[in-house]
Protein backbone atom coordinates (compact mmCIF):
# COMPACT_ATOMS: atom_id res chain seq x y z
CA UNK A 1 37.60 31.78 -10.79
CA UNK A 2 35.78 30.86 -7.58
CA UNK A 3 34.01 27.54 -7.69
CA UNK A 4 30.25 27.99 -7.33
CA UNK A 5 29.90 25.13 -4.89
CA UNK A 6 32.42 26.68 -2.51
CA UNK A 7 30.95 30.15 -2.84
CA UNK A 8 27.40 28.94 -2.35
CA UNK A 9 27.44 25.61 -0.54
CA UNK A 10 24.20 23.62 -0.71
CA UNK A 11 22.35 22.78 2.45
CA UNK A 12 21.62 19.22 3.52
CA UNK A 13 17.93 19.80 2.89
CA UNK A 14 18.46 21.00 -0.68
CA UNK A 15 20.67 17.99 -1.42
CA UNK A 16 18.08 15.61 0.02
CA UNK A 17 15.26 17.20 -1.98
CA UNK A 18 17.33 17.01 -5.16
CA UNK A 19 18.06 13.34 -4.52
CA UNK A 20 14.38 12.60 -3.86
CA UNK A 21 13.35 14.43 -7.04
CA UNK A 22 15.87 12.51 -9.14
CA UNK A 23 14.91 9.17 -7.61
CA UNK A 24 11.20 9.85 -8.10
CA UNK A 25 11.75 10.66 -11.79
CA UNK A 26 13.98 7.59 -12.20
CA UNK A 27 11.38 5.29 -10.65
CA UNK A 28 8.59 6.85 -12.74
CA UNK A 29 10.52 6.48 -16.00
CA UNK A 30 11.49 2.89 -15.13
CA UNK A 31 7.92 1.89 -14.30
CA UNK A 32 6.28 3.69 -17.21
CA UNK A 33 8.81 2.54 -19.79
CA UNK A 34 8.31 -1.10 -18.87
CA UNK A 35 5.71 -1.35 -21.61
CA UNK A 36 1.97 -1.18 -21.97
CA UNK A 37 1.52 -4.51 -20.23
CA UNK A 38 2.52 -2.89 -16.91
CA UNK A 39 -0.34 -0.39 -17.15
CA UNK A 40 -2.74 -3.10 -18.30
CA UNK A 41 -1.81 -5.29 -15.33
CA UNK A 42 -2.33 -2.45 -12.86
CA UNK A 43 -5.95 -2.28 -13.98
CA UNK A 44 -6.37 -5.98 -14.67
CA UNK A 45 -5.17 -7.24 -11.26
CA UNK A 46 -8.14 -6.01 -9.19
CA UNK A 47 -10.57 -6.71 -12.02
CA UNK A 48 -9.41 -10.32 -12.45
CA UNK A 49 -9.47 -10.84 -8.68
CA UNK A 50 -12.97 -9.42 -8.49
CA UNK A 51 -14.08 -11.60 -11.42
CA UNK A 52 -12.85 -14.76 -9.71
CA UNK A 53 -14.51 -13.86 -6.43
CA UNK A 54 -17.74 -12.82 -8.13
CA UNK A 55 -17.85 -16.27 -9.69
CA UNK A 56 -17.39 -17.85 -6.25
CA UNK A 57 -20.05 -15.62 -4.69
CA UNK A 58 -22.40 -16.41 -7.58
CA UNK A 59 -21.93 -20.13 -7.01
CA UNK A 60 -22.86 -19.74 -3.33
CA UNK A 61 -25.62 -17.29 -4.36
CA UNK A 62 -24.48 -14.34 -2.28
CA UNK A 63 -25.61 -11.13 -3.96
CA UNK A 64 -25.37 -8.74 -1.01
CA UNK A 65 -22.77 -8.35 1.75
CA UNK A 66 -23.69 -6.15 4.73
CA UNK A 67 -26.33 -4.33 2.74
CA UNK A 68 -23.88 -3.60 -0.11
CA UNK A 69 -23.86 -5.29 -3.51
CA UNK A 70 -21.20 -7.96 -3.84
CA UNK A 71 -19.52 -6.16 -6.76
CA UNK A 72 -19.15 -2.91 -4.81
CA UNK A 73 -18.04 -4.71 -1.65
CA UNK A 74 -15.37 -6.71 -3.44
CA UNK A 75 -13.99 -3.89 -5.57
CA UNK A 76 -13.65 -1.44 -2.68
CA UNK A 77 -11.91 -4.09 -0.60
CA UNK A 78 -9.48 -5.03 -3.36
CA UNK A 79 -8.61 -1.46 -4.36
CA UNK A 80 -8.12 -0.45 -0.71
CA UNK A 81 -5.94 -3.46 0.03
CA UNK A 82 -3.83 -2.85 -3.07
CA UNK A 83 -3.02 0.64 -1.77
CA UNK A 84 -1.37 -1.09 1.19
CA UNK A 85 0.03 -4.23 -0.41
CA UNK A 86 1.51 -2.68 -3.57
CA UNK A 87 3.20 0.06 -1.55
CA UNK A 88 4.61 -2.49 0.91
CA UNK A 89 5.87 -4.74 -1.91
CA UNK A 90 7.52 -1.90 -3.83
CA UNK A 91 9.23 -0.53 -0.72
CA UNK A 92 10.39 -3.99 0.34
CA UNK A 93 12.07 -4.60 -3.02
CA UNK A 94 13.61 -1.14 -3.42
CA UNK A 95 17.01 -2.01 -1.93
CA UNK A 96 17.81 -4.80 -4.38
CA UNK A 97 16.54 -2.77 -7.33
CA UNK A 98 18.70 0.28 -6.55
CA UNK A 99 21.99 -1.16 -5.33
CA UNK A 100 23.93 0.55 -8.12
CA UNK A 101 22.89 3.97 -6.84
CA UNK A 102 24.43 3.50 -3.41
CA UNK A 103 27.89 4.29 -4.75
CA UNK A 104 26.81 7.94 -4.65
CA UNK A 105 27.23 9.17 -1.10
CA UNK A 106 24.25 11.53 -1.44
CA UNK A 107 21.91 8.56 -1.99
CA UNK A 108 20.91 6.69 1.15
CA UNK A 109 19.08 3.35 1.02
CA UNK A 110 16.05 4.84 2.75
CA UNK A 111 15.76 7.51 0.02
CA UNK A 112 15.01 4.89 -2.61
CA UNK A 113 12.34 3.34 -0.40
CA UNK A 114 10.58 6.64 0.28
CA UNK A 115 10.46 7.61 -3.39
CA UNK A 116 9.20 4.20 -4.44
CA UNK A 117 6.42 4.54 -1.88
CA UNK A 118 5.57 8.04 -3.15
CA UNK A 119 5.37 6.87 -6.76
CA UNK A 120 3.27 3.84 -5.84
CA UNK A 121 0.89 6.04 -3.86
CA UNK A 122 0.35 8.37 -6.84
CA UNK A 123 -0.14 5.46 -9.25
CA UNK A 124 -2.53 3.65 -6.90
CA UNK A 125 -4.69 6.75 -6.54
CA UNK A 126 -4.84 7.19 -10.32
CA UNK A 127 -5.76 3.53 -10.79
CA UNK A 128 -8.43 3.80 -8.08
CA UNK A 129 -9.96 6.81 -9.85
CA UNK A 130 -9.98 5.01 -13.22
CA UNK A 131 -11.55 1.89 -11.69
CA UNK A 132 -14.08 4.03 -9.81
CA UNK A 133 -15.17 5.84 -12.97
CA UNK A 134 -15.20 2.63 -14.99
CA UNK A 135 -17.17 0.74 -12.36
CA UNK A 136 -19.76 3.52 -12.12
CA UNK A 137 -20.10 3.45 -15.92
CA UNK A 138 -20.96 -0.26 -15.73
CA UNK A 139 -23.46 0.25 -12.93
CA UNK A 140 -21.28 -0.55 -9.91
CA UNK A 141 -21.84 2.04 -7.18
CA UNK A 142 -18.35 3.30 -6.32
CA UNK A 143 -18.88 7.04 -5.82
CA UNK A 144 -18.31 7.60 -2.07
CA UNK A 145 -20.84 9.35 0.09
CA UNK A 146 -17.96 10.64 2.23
CA UNK A 147 -15.03 11.41 -0.13
CA UNK A 148 -12.87 12.96 2.61
CA UNK A 149 -13.07 9.76 4.64
CA UNK A 150 -11.92 7.76 1.61
CA UNK A 151 -8.93 10.09 1.23
CA UNK A 152 -8.08 9.67 4.93
CA UNK A 153 -8.39 5.89 4.66
CA UNK A 154 -6.22 5.67 1.54
CA UNK A 155 -3.57 7.86 3.15
CA UNK A 156 -3.58 5.67 6.24
CA UNK A 157 -3.26 2.47 4.17
CA UNK A 158 -0.42 4.03 2.17
CA UNK A 159 1.42 5.00 5.36
CA UNK A 160 0.87 1.50 6.74
CA UNK A 161 2.32 0.03 3.54
CA UNK A 162 5.30 2.37 3.82
CA UNK A 163 5.94 1.38 7.43
CA UNK A 164 5.53 -2.33 6.75
CA UNK A 165 7.85 -2.07 3.74
CA UNK A 166 10.51 -0.20 5.72
CA UNK A 167 10.60 -2.94 8.35
CA UNK A 168 10.47 -5.89 5.97
CA UNK A 169 13.11 -4.40 3.64
CA UNK A 170 15.64 -4.51 6.49
CA UNK A 171 14.56 -8.02 7.47
CA UNK A 172 14.79 -9.24 3.86
CA UNK A 173 18.21 -7.64 3.47
CA UNK A 174 19.76 -8.99 6.64
CA UNK A 175 18.09 -12.38 7.15
CA UNK A 176 18.45 -15.01 4.41
CA UNK A 177 15.24 -16.66 3.18
CA UNK A 178 13.05 -14.45 5.37
CA UNK A 179 10.95 -13.96 2.25
CA UNK A 180 9.24 -17.30 2.96
CA UNK A 181 7.98 -16.02 6.31
CA UNK A 182 6.98 -12.66 4.83
CA UNK A 183 5.00 -14.48 2.15
CA UNK A 184 3.03 -16.31 4.82
CA UNK A 185 2.46 -13.07 6.73
CA UNK A 186 1.20 -11.44 3.52
CA UNK A 187 -1.34 -14.23 2.98
CA UNK A 188 -2.53 -13.97 6.58
CA UNK A 189 -2.93 -10.19 6.25
CA UNK A 190 -4.90 -10.62 3.04
CA UNK A 191 -7.30 -13.14 4.53
CA UNK A 192 -7.71 -11.36 7.87
CA UNK A 193 -8.36 -7.93 6.35
CA UNK A 194 -11.84 -8.75 5.12
CA UNK A 195 -10.89 -8.27 1.47
CA UNK A 196 -12.59 -11.38 0.11
CA UNK A 197 -14.03 -12.96 3.27
CA UNK A 198 -17.20 -11.48 4.85
CA UNK A 199 -16.27 -10.90 8.47
CA UNK A 200 -19.82 -11.54 9.66
CA UNK A 201 -19.30 -15.22 8.84
CA UNK A 202 -16.41 -15.52 11.29
CA UNK A 203 -17.55 -16.70 14.74
CA UNK A 204 -16.62 -15.07 18.02
CA UNK A 205 -14.17 -14.66 19.66
CA UNK A 206 -12.08 -14.93 16.48
CA UNK A 207 -13.88 -12.02 14.85
CA UNK A 208 -12.71 -9.62 17.55
CA UNK A 209 -9.16 -10.93 17.20
CA UNK A 210 -9.17 -9.61 13.64
CA UNK A 211 -9.42 -6.06 14.99
CA UNK A 212 -5.71 -6.27 15.82
CA UNK A 213 -5.11 -6.07 12.06
CA UNK A 214 -4.88 -2.33 11.23
CA UNK A 215 -5.50 -2.89 7.51
CA UNK A 216 -8.96 -4.27 8.32
CA UNK A 217 -9.90 -0.94 9.95
CA UNK A 218 -8.97 0.88 6.75
CA UNK A 219 -10.82 -1.42 4.35
CA UNK A 220 -14.03 -1.56 6.38
CA UNK A 221 -13.91 2.23 6.88
CA UNK A 222 -13.57 2.69 3.10
CA UNK A 223 -16.67 0.58 2.51
CA UNK A 224 -18.55 2.54 5.12
CA UNK A 225 -17.49 5.81 3.49
CA UNK A 226 -18.86 4.65 0.13
CA UNK A 227 -22.15 3.46 1.62
CA UNK A 228 -23.09 4.75 5.11
CA UNK A 229 -25.80 2.08 5.29
CA UNK A 230 -23.19 -0.67 5.07
CA UNK A 231 -23.27 -2.92 8.12
CA UNK A 232 -19.61 -2.72 9.07
CA UNK A 233 -17.80 -4.65 11.73
CA UNK A 234 -18.15 -3.05 15.16
CA UNK A 235 -15.09 -1.61 16.86
CA UNK A 236 -13.61 0.16 13.83
CA UNK A 237 -11.16 2.96 14.62
CA UNK A 238 -9.33 4.70 11.78
CA UNK A 239 -6.97 6.28 14.31
CA UNK A 240 -5.74 2.77 15.15
CA UNK A 241 -4.57 2.42 11.54
CA UNK A 242 -2.63 5.68 11.80
CA UNK A 243 -1.12 4.74 15.15
CA UNK A 244 0.11 1.40 13.80
CA UNK A 245 1.47 3.13 10.69
CA UNK A 246 3.34 5.68 12.81
CA UNK A 247 4.89 2.93 14.95
CA UNK A 248 5.88 0.90 11.89
CA UNK A 249 7.43 3.92 10.13
CA UNK A 250 9.36 4.95 13.25
CA UNK A 251 10.60 1.39 13.82
CA UNK A 252 11.48 0.98 10.14
CA UNK A 253 13.44 4.23 9.99
CA UNK A 254 15.22 3.29 13.22
CA UNK A 255 16.22 -0.07 11.71
CA UNK A 256 17.52 1.63 8.57
CA UNK A 257 19.58 4.03 10.64
CA UNK A 258 20.94 1.23 12.84
CA UNK A 259 21.88 -1.08 9.96
CA UNK A 260 22.70 1.53 7.31
CA UNK A 261 26.27 0.31 6.79
CA UNK A 262 25.25 -3.34 6.50
CA UNK A 263 22.54 -2.48 4.00
CA UNK A 264 25.04 -0.57 1.88
CA UNK A 265 27.39 -3.56 1.92
CA UNK A 266 24.76 -6.03 0.69
């Protein structure tokens, strides 16, 4: 009897799609079967962060930021930043979490990173929708005036997280203790993205220096999409976010191709 595989050989594309599908399901089952606490934390993380910052803003008696209520301003910033940061963190840690799969020649290290990013993007969107509906129920204005712009911003932040994760995953795999440096970079990105710090309070010329941070363009654009009357930082360009994401993804994929054998041997 003729073997089916020899009679009908599979193409490289079909093999890749099958691998991606299997990895996506594996990641989804692993994340969802971790227990209810995982789902609770996904919702609780931005809410707790917002609660802490609301307390701080209440102490300093700041009720409005750029013409937007403090609650709305904070929640949009946190949810937008989490789209980037959670994707970057999941992609960065994908290599260590999936080492056992690399014994299969069909599975490449970059496959695990891409599927982790895809799953995190889907979960982040679902969490953003739940928080948006919940916030609106409690009187926080989170329904965007320009929904398409919010979609474009979230996609750009997700791509930026993917690109950042691709680059840092190689660095973390090849350079010992680079995690310390990446932790510092993460804190700098968080503070310089305008998530919890009103940019209007930063003096010139330092305020303009922040425009080199592509994540800032996404977060401020998201706030502007929710409330067109929001007084956003001047010089915003959502295309800059996409350009930086494209460069990071290209560079990250190039690094994975260049060091593929070393990553497999880790």
